[in-house]
Amino acid sequence: MNSFWLTMIIVGILTFGIRLSFIVILDRWQPPHLIERALRFVPVAVLSAIIAPELILHSGTADFSFGNLRLIAGIVSIIVAWKTKSIIWTIVVGMGVLLVSQYLL
């Protein structure tokens, strides 16, 4: 066995051990109420950090004009998500607005 495979096996065992330790430790630990409340906002913050640059940045600069078709489709998607509370309708309408606006303009 060469050093590459030995390294891969050791790294795999360490990774598994780290993940297992969090599962075992956090299974018995109840976080304070304040931490639980704060952690509820993590998914929204992460998704916003991923999506916002894709909607706003165009060629490395912020573009808030009506020519930014992704931003317009994103705003329409936000409105649809707010009104319908449906992920499917949000995706369908957002992609539809983006595709139609790209085709027409």
PDB file of N, CA and C in Angstrom:
ATOM      1  N   MET A   1       0.853  -1.171   0.000  1.00  0.00           N
ATOM      2  CA  MET A   1       0.000   0.000   0.000  1.00  0.00           C
ATOM      3  C   MET A   1       0.901   1.236   0.000  1.00  0.00           C
ATOM      4  N   ASN A   2       0.672   2.103  -0.982  1.00  0.00           N
ATOM      5  CA  ASN A   2       1.516   3.295  -1.042  1.00  0.00           C
ATOM      6  C   ASN A   2       0.975   4.381  -0.114  1.00  0.00           C
ATOM      7  N   SER A   3       1.714   5.461  -0.020  1.00  0.00           N
ATOM      8  CA  SER A   3       1.374   6.517   0.938  1.00  0.00           C
ATOM      9  C   SER A   3       0.073   7.235   0.583  1.00  0.00           C
ATOM     10  N   PHE A   4      -0.290   7.261  -0.697  1.00  0.00           N
ATOM     11  CA  PHE A   4      -1.535   7.921  -1.098  1.00  0.00           C
ATOM     12  C   PHE A   4      -2.738   7.239  -0.459  1.00  0.00           C
ATOM     13  N   TRP A   5      -2.819   5.909  -0.581  1.00  0.00           N
ATOM     14  CA  TRP A   5      -3.967   5.193  -0.040  1.00  0.00           C
ATOM     15  C   TRP A   5      -3.967   5.201   1.482  1.00  0.00           C
ATOM     16  N   LEU A   6      -2.801   5.154   2.081  1.00  0.00           N
ATOM     17  CA  LEU A   6      -2.716   5.242   3.536  1.00  0.00           C
ATOM     18  C   LEU A   6      -3.237   6.599   4.013  1.00  0.00           C
ATOM     19  N   THR A   7      -2.840   7.652   3.306  1.00  0.00           N
ATOM     20  CA  THR A   7      -3.324   8.994   3.642  1.00  0.00           C
ATOM     21  C   THR A   7      -4.837   9.076   3.477  1.00  0.00           C
ATOM     22  N   MET A   8      -5.374   8.517   2.397  1.00  0.00           N
ATOM     23  CA  MET A   8      -6.818   8.547   2.148  1.00  0.00           C
ATOM     24  C   MET A   8      -7.585   7.821   3.259  1.00  0.00           C
ATOM     25  N   ILE A   9      -7.083   6.692   3.682  1.00  0.00           N
ATOM     26  CA  ILE A   9      -7.748   5.921   4.738  1.00  0.00           C
ATOM     27  C   ILE A   9      -7.713   6.677   6.057  1.00  0.00           C
ATOM     28  N   ILE A  10      -6.569   7.252   6.395  1.00  0.00           N
ATOM     29  CA  ILE A  10      -6.449   8.007   7.649  1.00  0.00           C
ATOM     30  C   ILE A  10      -7.363   9.227   7.631  1.00  0.00           C
ATOM     31  N   VAL A  11      -7.372   9.963   6.528  1.00  0.00           N
ATOM     32  CA  VAL A  11      -8.232  11.147   6.423  1.00  0.00           C
ATOM     33  C   VAL A  11      -9.706  10.742   6.494  1.00  0.00           C
ATOM     34  N   GLY A  12     -10.069   9.632   5.863  1.00  0.00           N
ATOM     35  CA  GLY A  12     -11.447   9.148   5.932  1.00  0.00           C
ATOM     36  C   GLY A  12     -11.861   8.796   7.348  1.00  0.00           C
ATOM     37  N   ILE A  13     -10.988   8.116   8.068  1.00  0.00           N
ATOM     38  CA  ILE A  13     -11.285   7.753   9.458  1.00  0.00           C
ATOM     39  C   ILE A  13     -11.406   9.003  10.322  1.00  0.00           C
ATOM     40  N   LEU A  14     -10.508   9.961  10.135  1.00  0.00           N
ATOM     41  CA  LEU A  14     -10.582  11.207  10.904  1.00  0.00           C
ATOM     42  C   LEU A  14     -11.862  11.978  10.603  1.00  0.00           C
ATOM     43  N   THR A  15     -12.237  12.063   9.338  1.00  0.00           N
ATOM     44  CA  THR A  15     -13.464  12.764   8.969  1.00  0.00           C
ATOM     45  C   THR A  15     -14.680  12.087   9.582  1.00  0.00           C
ATOM     46  N   PHE A  16     -14.727  10.772   9.495  1.00  0.00           N
ATOM     47  CA  PHE A  16     -15.835  10.031  10.094  1.00  0.00           C
ATOM     48  C   PHE A  16     -15.871  10.246  11.604  1.00  0.00           C
ATOM     49  N   GLY A  17     -14.708  10.230  12.245  1.00  0.00           N
ATOM     50  CA  GLY A  17     -14.642  10.434  13.689  1.00  0.00           C
ATOM     51  C   GLY A  17     -15.119  11.812  14.111  1.00  0.00           C
ATOM     52  N   ILE A  18     -14.738  12.829  13.356  1.00  0.00           N
ATOM     53  CA  ILE A  18     -15.173  14.188  13.685  1.00  0.00           C
ATOM     54  C   ILE A  18     -16.687  14.302  13.562  1.00  0.00           C
ATOM     55  N   ARG A  19     -17.248  13.793  12.491  1.00  0.00           N
ATOM     56  CA  ARG A  19     -18.702  13.876  12.299  1.00  0.00           C
ATOM     57  C   ARG A  19     -19.449  13.050  13.348  1.00  0.00           C
ATOM     58  N   LEU A  20     -18.941  11.882  13.653  1.00  0.00           N
ATOM     59  CA  LEU A  20     -19.583  11.036  14.651  1.00  0.00           C
ATOM     60  C   LEU A  20     -19.523  11.678  16.035  1.00  0.00           C
ATOM     61  N   SER A  21     -18.422  12.341  16.354  1.00  0.00           N
ATOM     62  CA  SER A  21     -18.307  12.966  17.670  1.00  0.00           C
ATOM     63  C   SER A  21     -19.364  14.049  17.859  1.00  0.00           C
ATOM     64  N   PHE A  22     -19.659  14.822  16.815  1.00  0.00           N
ATOM     65  CA  PHE A  22     -20.696  15.843  16.944  1.00  0.00           C
ATOM     66  C   PHE A  22     -22.073  15.211  17.123  1.00  0.00           C
ATOM     67  N   ILE A  23     -22.318  14.109  16.447  1.00  0.00           N
ATOM     68  CA  ILE A  23     -23.610  13.433  16.588  1.00  0.00           C
ATOM     69  C   ILE A  23     -23.761  12.881  17.998  1.00  0.00           C
ATOM     70  N   VAL A  24     -22.717  12.271  18.517  1.00  0.00           N
ATOM     71  CA  VAL A  24     -22.786  11.671  19.851  1.00  0.00           C
ATOM     72  C   VAL A  24     -22.869  12.748  20.930  1.00  0.00           C
ATOM     73  N   ILE A  25     -22.059  13.798  20.814  1.00  0.00           N
ATOM     74  CA  ILE A  25     -22.037  14.853  21.836  1.00  0.00           C
ATOM     75  C   ILE A  25     -23.317  15.678  21.796  1.00  0.00           C
ATOM     76  N   LEU A  26     -23.736  16.097  20.612  1.00  0.00           N
ATOM     77  CA  LEU A  26     -24.897  16.971  20.512  1.00  0.00           C
ATOM     78  C   LEU A  26     -26.210  16.236  20.738  1.00  0.00           C
ATOM     79  N   ASP A  27     -26.175  14.914  20.739  1.00  0.00           N
ATOM     80  CA  ASP A  27     -27.387  14.155  21.013  1.00  0.00           C
ATOM     81  C   ASP A  27     -27.831  14.355  22.453  1.00  0.00           C
ATOM     82  N   ARG A  28     -26.899  14.526  23.343  1.00  0.00           N
ATOM     83  CA  ARG A  28     -27.207  14.674  24.770  1.00  0.00           C
ATOM     84  C   ARG A  28     -27.266  16.130  25.215  1.00  0.00           C
ATOM     85  N   TRP A  29     -26.826  17.054  24.385  1.00  0.00           N
ATOM     86  CA  TRP A  29     -26.713  18.457  24.778  1.00  0.00           C
ATOM     87  C   TRP A  29     -27.916  19.249  24.296  1.00  0.00           C
ATOM     88  N   GLN A  30     -28.537  19.981  25.168  1.00  0.00           N
ATOM     89  CA  GLN A  30     -29.654  20.842  24.803  1.00  0.00           C
ATOM     90  C   GLN A  30     -29.153  22.289  24.803  1.00  0.00           C
ATOM     91  N   PRO A  31     -29.105  22.940  23.632  1.00  0.00           N
ATOM     92  CA  PRO A  31     -28.599  24.312  23.587  1.00  0.00           C
ATOM     93  C   PRO A  31     -29.563  25.277  24.273  1.00  0.00           C
ATOM     94  N   PRO A  32     -29.040  26.393  24.750  1.00  0.00           N
ATOM     95  CA  PRO A  32     -29.912  27.405  25.358  1.00  0.00           C
ATOM     96  C   PRO A  32     -30.933  27.928  24.347  1.00  0.00           C
ATOM     97  N   HIS A  33     -32.040  28.431  24.876  1.00  0.00           N
ATOM     98  CA  HIS A  33     -33.134  28.906  24.023  1.00  0.00           C
ATOM     99  C   HIS A  33     -32.681  30.021  23.084  1.00  0.00           C
ATOM    100  N   LEU A  34     -31.814  30.894  23.548  1.00  0.00           N
ATOM    101  CA  LEU A  34     -31.334  32.005  22.720  1.00  0.00           C
ATOM    102  C   LEU A  34     -30.559  31.498  21.502  1.00  0.00           C
ATOM    103  N   ILE A  35     -29.751  30.471  21.688  1.00  0.00           N
ATOM    104  CA  ILE A  35     -28.989  29.895  20.570  1.00  0.00           C
ATOM    105  C   ILE A  35     -29.936  29.209  19.591  1.00  0.00           C
ATOM    106  N   GLU A  36     -30.931  28.495  20.093  1.00  0.00           N
ATOM    107  CA  GLU A  36     -31.904  27.856  19.204  1.00  0.00           C
ATOM    108  C   GLU A  36     -32.653  28.896  18.375  1.00  0.00           C
ATOM    109  N   ARG A  37     -33.023  30.007  19.004  1.00  0.00           N
ATOM    110  CA  ARG A  37     -33.718  31.075  18.266  1.00  0.00           C
ATOM    111  C   ARG A  37     -32.823  31.670  17.198  1.00  0.00           C
ATOM    112  N   ALA A  38     -31.554  31.864  17.515  1.00  0.00           N
ATOM    113  CA  ALA A  38     -30.626  32.455  16.550  1.00  0.00           C
ATOM    114  C   ALA A  38     -30.353  31.501  15.390  1.00  0.00           C
ATOM    115  N   LEU A  39     -30.279  30.212  15.663  1.00  0.00           N
ATOM    116  CA  LEU A  39     -29.980  29.234  14.616  1.00  0.00           C
ATOM    117  C   LEU A  39     -31.131  29.053  13.629  1.00  0.00           C
ATOM    118  N   ARG A  40     -32.331  29.495  13.988  1.00  0.00           N
ATOM    119  CA  ARG A  40     -33.447  29.403  13.047  1.00  0.00           C
ATOM    120  C   ARG A  40     -33.234  30.286  11.825  1.00  0.00           C
ATOM    121  N   PHE A  41     -32.426  31.329  11.960  1.00  0.00           N
ATOM    122  CA  PHE A  41     -32.212  32.268  10.860  1.00  0.00           C
ATOM    123  C   PHE A  41     -31.029  31.894   9.972  1.00  0.00           C
ATOM    124  N   VAL A  42     -30.298  30.866  10.321  1.00  0.00           N
ATOM    125  CA  VAL A  42     -29.120  30.474   9.541  1.00  0.00           C
ATOM    126  C   VAL A  42     -29.474  30.057   8.113  1.00  0.00           C
ATOM    127  N   PRO A  43     -30.477  29.207   7.871  1.00  0.00           N
ATOM    128  CA  PRO A  43     -30.778  28.840   6.479  1.00  0.00           C
ATOM    129  C   PRO A  43     -31.148  30.037   5.604  1.00  0.00           C
ATOM    130  N   VAL A  44     -31.919  30.969   6.138  1.00  0.00           N
ATOM    131  CA  VAL A  44     -32.301  32.157   5.373  1.00  0.00           C
ATOM    132  C   VAL A  44     -31.075  33.001   5.059  1.00  0.00           C
ATOM    133  N   ALA A  45     -30.193  33.157   6.023  1.00  0.00           N
ATOM    134  CA  ALA A  45     -28.987  33.958   5.801  1.00  0.00           C
ATOM    135  C   ALA A  45     -28.067  33.312   4.773  1.00  0.00           C
ATOM    136  N   VAL A  46     -27.919  32.002   4.839  1.00  0.00           N
ATOM    137  CA  VAL A  46     -27.043  31.305   3.896  1.00  0.00           C
ATOM    138  C   VAL A  46     -27.610  31.373   2.481  1.00  0.00           C
ATOM    139  N   LEU A  47     -28.907  31.107   2.325  1.00  0.00           N
ATOM    140  CA  LEU A  47     -29.514  31.180   0.999  1.00  0.00           C
ATOM    141  C   LEU A  47     -29.464  32.597   0.436  1.00  0.00           C
ATOM    142  N   SER A  48     -29.659  33.593   1.283  1.00  0.00           N
ATOM    143  CA  SER A  48     -29.562  34.981   0.820  1.00  0.00           C
ATOM    144  C   SER A  48     -28.152  35.304   0.358  1.00  0.00           C
ATOM    145  N   ALA A  49     -27.164  34.814   1.076  1.00  0.00           N
ATOM    146  CA  ALA A  49     -25.773  35.065   0.689  1.00  0.00           C
ATOM    147  C   ALA A  49     -25.409  34.377  -0.618  1.00  0.00           C
ATOM    148  N   ILE A  50     -26.066  33.282  -0.930  1.00  0.00           N
ATOM    149  CA  ILE A  50     -25.804  32.582  -2.191  1.00  0.00           C
ATOM    150  C   ILE A  50     -26.562  33.232  -3.344  1.00  0.00           C
ATOM    151  N   ILE A  51     -27.816  33.590  -3.115  1.00  0.00           N
ATOM    152  CA  ILE A  51     -28.682  34.066  -4.194  1.00  0.00           C
ATOM    153  C   ILE A  51     -28.460  35.533  -4.527  1.00  0.00           C
ATOM    154  N   ALA A  52     -28.272  36.391  -3.533  1.00  0.00           N
ATOM    155  CA  ALA A  52     -28.177  37.836  -3.777  1.00  0.00           C
ATOM    156  C   ALA A  52     -27.085  38.219  -4.770  1.00  0.00           C
ATOM    157  N   PRO A  53     -25.870  37.705  -4.673  1.00  0.00           N
ATOM    158  CA  PRO A  53     -24.865  38.077  -5.678  1.00  0.00           C
ATOM    159  C   PRO A  53     -25.243  37.646  -7.090  1.00  0.00           C
ATOM    160  N   GLU A  54     -25.929  36.512  -7.216  1.00  0.00           N
ATOM    161  CA  GLU A  54     -26.345  36.051  -8.543  1.00  0.00           C
ATOM    162  C   GLU A  54     -27.387  36.972  -9.156  1.00  0.00           C
ATOM    163  N   LEU A  55     -28.214  37.578  -8.323  1.00  0.00           N
ATOM    164  CA  LEU A  55     -29.249  38.469  -8.832  1.00  0.00           C
ATOM    165  C   LEU A  55     -28.733  39.877  -9.088  1.00  0.00           C
ATOM    166  N   ILE A  56     -27.833  40.349  -8.248  1.00  0.00           N
ATOM    167  CA  ILE A  56     -27.432  41.757  -8.294  1.00  0.00           C
ATOM    168  C   ILE A  56     -26.178  41.987  -9.121  1.00  0.00           C
ATOM    169  N   LEU A  57     -25.171  41.139  -8.964  1.00  0.00           N
ATOM    170  CA  LEU A  57     -23.901  41.377  -9.648  1.00  0.00           C
ATOM    171  C   LEU A  57     -23.986  40.979 -11.112  1.00  0.00           C
ATOM    172  N   HIS A  58     -23.516  41.883 -11.963  1.00  0.00           N
ATOM    173  CA  HIS A  58     -23.486  41.623 -13.401  1.00  0.00           C
ATOM    174  C   HIS A  58     -22.161  42.158 -13.924  1.00  0.00           C
ATOM    175  N   SER A  59     -21.317  41.284 -14.405  1.00  0.00           N
ATOM    176  CA  SER A  59     -19.977  41.643 -14.894  1.00  0.00           C
ATOM    177  C   SER A  59     -19.127  42.287 -13.803  1.00  0.00           C
ATOM    178  N   GLY A  60     -19.292  41.824 -12.578  1.00  0.00           N
ATOM    179  CA  GLY A  60     -18.456  42.288 -11.481  1.00  0.00           C
ATOM    180  C   GLY A  60     -18.917  43.557 -10.799  1.00  0.00           C
ATOM    181  N   THR A  61     -19.999  44.173 -11.270  1.00  0.00           N
ATOM    182  CA  THR A  61     -20.517  45.386 -10.635  1.00  0.00           C
ATOM    183  C   THR A  61     -21.987  45.182 -10.277  1.00  0.00           C
ATOM    184  N   ALA A  62     -22.431  45.934  -9.283  1.00  0.00           N
ATOM    185  CA  ALA A  62     -23.831  45.852  -8.871  1.00  0.00           C
ATOM    186  C   ALA A  62     -24.709  46.522  -9.919  1.00  0.00           C
ATOM    187  N   ASP A  63     -25.750  45.831 -10.329  1.00  0.00           N
ATOM    188  CA  ASP A  63     -26.647  46.328 -11.373  1.00  0.00           C
ATOM    189  C   ASP A  63     -28.074  46.296 -10.847  1.00  0.00           C
ATOM    190  N   PHE A  64     -28.602  47.484 -10.524  1.00  0.00           N
ATOM    191  CA  PHE A  64     -29.962  47.598 -10.014  1.00  0.00           C
ATOM    192  C   PHE A  64     -30.909  48.181 -11.060  1.00  0.00           C
ATOM    193  N   SER A  65     -30.522  48.132 -12.325  1.00  0.00           N
ATOM    194  CA  SER A  65     -31.336  48.731 -13.387  1.00  0.00           C
ATOM    195  C   SER A  65     -32.420  47.761 -13.854  1.00  0.00           C
ATOM    196  N   PHE A  66     -33.336  48.287 -14.677  1.00  0.00           N
ATOM    197  CA  PHE A  66     -34.385  47.440 -15.243  1.00  0.00           C
ATOM    198  C   PHE A  66     -33.835  46.514 -16.319  1.00  0.00           C
ATOM    199  N   GLY A  67     -32.608  46.716 -16.730  1.00  0.00           N
ATOM    200  CA  GLY A  67     -31.980  45.834 -17.702  1.00  0.00           C
ATOM    201  C   GLY A  67     -31.451  44.546 -17.101  1.00  0.00           C
ATOM    202  N   ASN A  68     -31.394  44.480 -15.782  1.00  0.00           N
ATOM    203  CA  ASN A  68     -30.933  43.273 -15.092  1.00  0.00           C
ATOM    204  C   ASN A  68     -32.104  42.294 -14.998  1.00  0.00           C
ATOM    205  N   LEU A  69     -32.173  41.391 -15.956  1.00  0.00           N
ATOM    206  CA  LEU A  69     -33.311  40.479 -16.047  1.00  0.00           C
ATOM    207  C   LEU A  69     -33.356  39.489 -14.895  1.00  0.00           C
ATOM    208  N   ARG A  70     -32.200  39.103 -14.386  1.00  0.00           N
ATOM    209  CA  ARG A  70     -32.177  38.173 -13.254  1.00  0.00           C
ATOM    210  C   ARG A  70     -32.761  38.824 -12.003  1.00  0.00           C
ATOM    211  N   LEU A  71     -32.478  40.107 -11.816  1.00  0.00           N
ATOM    212  CA  LEU A  71     -33.022  40.813 -10.658  1.00  0.00           C
ATOM    213  C   LEU A  71     -34.539  40.930 -10.764  1.00  0.00           C
ATOM    214  N   ILE A  72     -35.035  41.233 -11.947  1.00  0.00           N
ATOM    215  CA  ILE A  72     -36.482  41.331 -12.143  1.00  0.00           C
ATOM    216  C   ILE A  72     -37.149  39.978 -11.888  1.00  0.00           C
ATOM    217  N   ALA A  73     -36.576  38.907 -12.435  1.00  0.00           N
ATOM    218  CA  ALA A  73     -37.127  37.568 -12.199  1.00  0.00           C
ATOM    219  C   ALA A  73     -37.049  37.205 -10.716  1.00  0.00           C
ATOM    220  N   GLY A  74     -35.993  37.623 -10.043  1.00  0.00           N
ATOM    221  CA  GLY A  74     -35.867  37.364  -8.611  1.00  0.00           C
ATOM    222  C   GLY A  74     -36.915  38.092  -7.795  1.00  0.00           C
ATOM    223  N   ILE A  75     -37.195  39.340  -8.158  1.00  0.00           N
ATOM    224  CA  ILE A  75     -38.221  40.107  -7.444  1.00  0.00           C
ATOM    225  C   ILE A  75     -39.595  39.473  -7.653  1.00  0.00           C
ATOM    226  N   VAL A  76     -39.884  39.079  -8.892  1.00  0.00           N
ATOM    227  CA  VAL A  76     -41.156  38.399  -9.166  1.00  0.00           C
ATOM    228  C   VAL A  76     -41.231  37.092  -8.374  1.00  0.00           C
ATOM    229  N   SER A  77     -40.137  36.363  -8.292  1.00  0.00           N
ATOM    230  CA  SER A  77     -40.106  35.108  -7.533  1.00  0.00           C
ATOM    231  C   SER A  77     -40.357  35.346  -6.050  1.00  0.00           C
ATOM    232  N   ILE A  78     -39.794  36.414  -5.516  1.00  0.00           N
ATOM    233  CA  ILE A  78     -40.018  36.737  -4.100  1.00  0.00           C
ATOM    234  C   ILE A  78     -41.494  37.021  -3.848  1.00  0.00           C
ATOM    235  N   ILE A  79     -42.119  37.757  -4.754  1.00  0.00           N
ATOM    236  CA  ILE A  79     -43.545  38.067  -4.602  1.00  0.00           C
ATOM    237  C   ILE A  79     -44.386  36.793  -4.687  1.00  0.00           C
ATOM    238  N   VAL A  80     -44.066  35.927  -5.647  1.00  0.00           N
ATOM    239  CA  VAL A  80     -44.807  34.662  -5.788  1.00  0.00           C
ATOM    240  C   VAL A  80     -44.605  33.788  -4.556  1.00  0.00           C
ATOM    241  N   ALA A  81     -43.389  33.713  -4.046  1.00  0.00           N
ATOM    242  CA  ALA A  81     -43.125  32.907  -2.849  1.00  0.00           C
ATOM    243  C   ALA A  81     -43.889  33.450  -1.652  1.00  0.00           C
ATOM    244  N   TRP A  82     -43.953  34.758  -1.535  1.00  0.00           N
ATOM    245  CA  TRP A  82     -44.647  35.391  -0.415  1.00  0.00           C
ATOM    246  C   TRP A  82     -46.147  35.137  -0.492  1.00  0.00           C
ATOM    247  N   LYS A  83     -46.709  35.215  -1.697  1.00  0.00           N
ATOM    248  CA  LYS A  83     -48.158  35.058  -1.855  1.00  0.00           C
ATOM    249  C   LYS A  83     -48.599  33.596  -1.814  1.00  0.00           C
ATOM    250  N   THR A  84     -47.857  32.704  -2.458  1.00  0.00           N
ATOM    251  CA  THR A  84     -48.313  31.315  -2.588  1.00  0.00           C
ATOM    252  C   THR A  84     -47.723  30.372  -1.550  1.00  0.00           C
ATOM    253  N   LYS A  85     -46.571  30.698  -0.996  1.00  0.00           N
ATOM    254  CA  LYS A  85     -45.852  29.814  -0.059  1.00  0.00           C
ATOM    255  C   LYS A  85     -45.538  28.457  -0.697  1.00  0.00           C
ATOM    256  N   SER A  86     -45.362  28.443  -2.021  1.00  0.00           N
ATOM    257  CA  SER A  86     -45.110  27.209  -2.760  1.00  0.00           C
ATOM    258  C   SER A  86     -43.756  27.294  -3.454  1.00  0.00           C
ATOM    259  N   ILE A  87     -42.894  26.332  -3.173  1.00  0.00           N
ATOM    260  CA  ILE A  87     -41.571  26.312  -3.798  1.00  0.00           C
ATOM    261  C   ILE A  87     -41.687  26.052  -5.296  1.00  0.00           C
ATOM    262  N   ILE A  88     -42.571  25.141  -5.667  1.00  0.00           N
ATOM    263  CA  ILE A  88     -42.727  24.792  -7.086  1.00  0.00           C
ATOM    264  C   ILE A  88     -43.177  26.008  -7.891  1.00  0.00           C
ATOM    265  N   TRP A  89     -44.213  26.707  -7.424  1.00  0.00           N
ATOM    266  CA  TRP A  89     -44.690  27.885  -8.152  1.00  0.00           C
ATOM    267  C   TRP A  89     -43.629  28.977  -8.198  1.00  0.00           C
ATOM    268  N   THR A  90     -42.875  29.119  -7.145  1.00  0.00           N
ATOM    269  CA  THR A  90     -41.810  30.120  -7.126  1.00  0.00           C
ATOM    270  C   THR A  90     -40.773  29.822  -8.200  1.00  0.00           C
ATOM    271  N   ILE A  91     -40.347  28.575  -8.293  1.00  0.00           N
ATOM    272  CA  ILE A  91     -39.340  28.191  -9.292  1.00  0.00           C
ATOM    273  C   ILE A  91     -39.902  28.317 -10.700  1.00  0.00           C
ATOM    274  N   VAL A  92     -41.117  27.815 -10.914  1.00  0.00           N
ATOM    275  CA  VAL A  92     -41.717  27.845 -12.252  1.00  0.00           C
ATOM    276  C   VAL A  92     -41.915  29.279 -12.729  1.00  0.00           C
ATOM    277  N   VAL A  93     -42.483  30.120 -11.891  1.00  0.00           N
ATOM    278  CA  VAL A  93     -42.730  31.507 -12.293  1.00  0.00           C
ATOM    279  C   VAL A  93     -41.415  32.261 -12.460  1.00  0.00           C
ATOM    280  N   GLY A  94     -40.476  32.090 -11.548  1.00  0.00           N
ATOM    281  CA  GLY A  94     -39.190  32.780 -11.662  1.00  0.00           C
ATOM    282  C   GLY A  94     -38.436  32.403 -12.921  1.00  0.00           C
ATOM    283  N   MET A  95     -38.356  31.112 -13.201  1.00  0.00           N
ATOM    284  CA  MET A  95     -37.676  30.670 -14.422  1.00  0.00           C
ATOM    285  C   MET A  95     -38.442  31.097 -15.664  1.00  0.00           C
ATOM    286  N   GLY A  96     -39.772  31.064 -15.579  1.00  0.00           N
ATOM    287  CA  GLY A  96     -40.581  31.507 -16.712  1.00  0.00           C
ATOM    288  C   GLY A  96     -40.367  32.973 -17.023  1.00  0.00           C
ATOM    289  N   VAL A  97     -40.370  33.806 -15.997  1.00  0.00           N
ATOM    290  CA  VAL A  97     -40.136  35.243 -16.205  1.00  0.00           C
ATOM    291  C   VAL A  97     -38.745  35.474 -16.775  1.00  0.00           C
ATOM    292  N   LEU A  98     -37.755  34.776 -16.263  1.00  0.00           N
ATOM    293  CA  LEU A  98     -36.391  34.950 -16.765  1.00  0.00           C
ATOM    294  C   LEU A  98     -36.281  34.510 -18.224  1.00  0.00           C
ATOM    295  N   LEU A  99     -36.812  33.353 -18.552  1.00  0.00           N
ATOM    296  CA  LEU A  99     -36.710  32.852 -19.925  1.00  0.00           C
ATOM    297  C   LEU A  99     -37.487  33.716 -20.911  1.00  0.00           C
ATOM    298  N   VAL A 100     -38.693  34.118 -20.549  1.00  0.00           N
ATOM    299  CA  VAL A 100     -39.493  34.963 -21.446  1.00  0.00           C
ATOM    300  C   VAL A 100     -38.838  36.323 -21.625  1.00  0.00           C
ATOM    301  N   SER A 101     -38.348  36.911 -20.540  1.00  0.00           N
ATOM    302  CA  SER A 101     -37.708  38.226 -20.661  1.00  0.00           C
ATOM    303  C   SER A 101     -36.415  38.147 -21.473  1.00  0.00           C
ATOM    304  N   GLN A 102     -35.656  37.069 -21.332  1.00  0.00           N
ATOM    305  CA  GLN A 102     -34.453  36.918 -22.151  1.00  0.00           C
ATOM    306  C   GLN A 102     -34.804  36.712 -23.617  1.00  0.00           C
ATOM    307  N   TYR A 103     -35.882  36.007 -23.881  1.00  0.00           N
ATOM    308  CA  TYR A 103     -36.294  35.757 -25.261  1.00  0.00           C
ATOM    309  C   TYR A 103     -36.805  37.044 -25.913  1.00  0.00           C
ATOM    310  N   LEU A 104     -37.589  37.827 -25.168  1.00  0.00           N
ATOM    311  CA  LEU A 104     -38.183  39.040 -25.732  1.00  0.00           C
ATOM    312  C   LEU A 104     -37.202  40.198 -25.821  1.00  0.00           C
ATOM    313  N   LEU A 105     -36.262  40.244 -24.915  1.00  0.00           N
ATOM    314  CA  LEU A 105     -35.316  41.370 -24.923  1.00  0.00           C
ATOM    315  C   LEU A 105     -34.039  40.892 -25.497  1.00  0.00           C
TER     316      LEU A 105
END
